[in-house]
Amino acid sequence: MAGLLTLATTEEERLLEGKPLEGVFWPSDWSRNGEIFFSRAQRVNGLSDIVTVTLADRTPEVYLQTPAGETNAALSPDGKWVAYESRDAGVVRVVVRRFPATSEQHVIATDLAEPQWSPDGKELFFVTQTGDALMGVKVDQLEPFQFSHPRRLFAVKIAPPGSVSRN
């Protein structure tokens, strides 16, 4: 179950009760207005999908479900794009898709993980699969969606994505 700590009262408020969808939930991002959160919903087969939950009705809805596993959704600051990891046959890709979902998608990079948007939405950041570098791409969110080649920003020493929790 997921909970939200209400700062005004320091009391926890339950966001989801029971098991509305198959599997376990791991929240990954919130909309700027605080009305929607994105979560990974792990399936019984070990793969995961991306769901959204609106705080108004607290009902999870599948945002993206494919034969691959999707995780680590990050909503762009303008609320129009979602960056996420797609894992299929051992290959990890960072993909950007419209929000709400359409068939338009852009594969940003392979072998990079844990996408995060810059506060102005003009860059996407990731870590390498080996956990030794922070990478970035410049993003132009005008139509059509365009982005630069990934570039190494600096070296880091962190656990490889998926190996341990960094929270």
Foldseek 3Di string as FASTA:
>chain_A
DDWDQDVVVRDIDDLDPDDLDAADWDWQEAAPVRQKTKIWGAHPVGATFIWMAGSVVSHIDTQDDDPWHKGRWEAANVRFKIWIWTADPNKIWIKIATPSGDPDMDTQDIQWHNWYADNNRQKIWTAGQQRFFIKMWGWDVDPPTDIDHIDTDDTDDDHGPPPDDPD
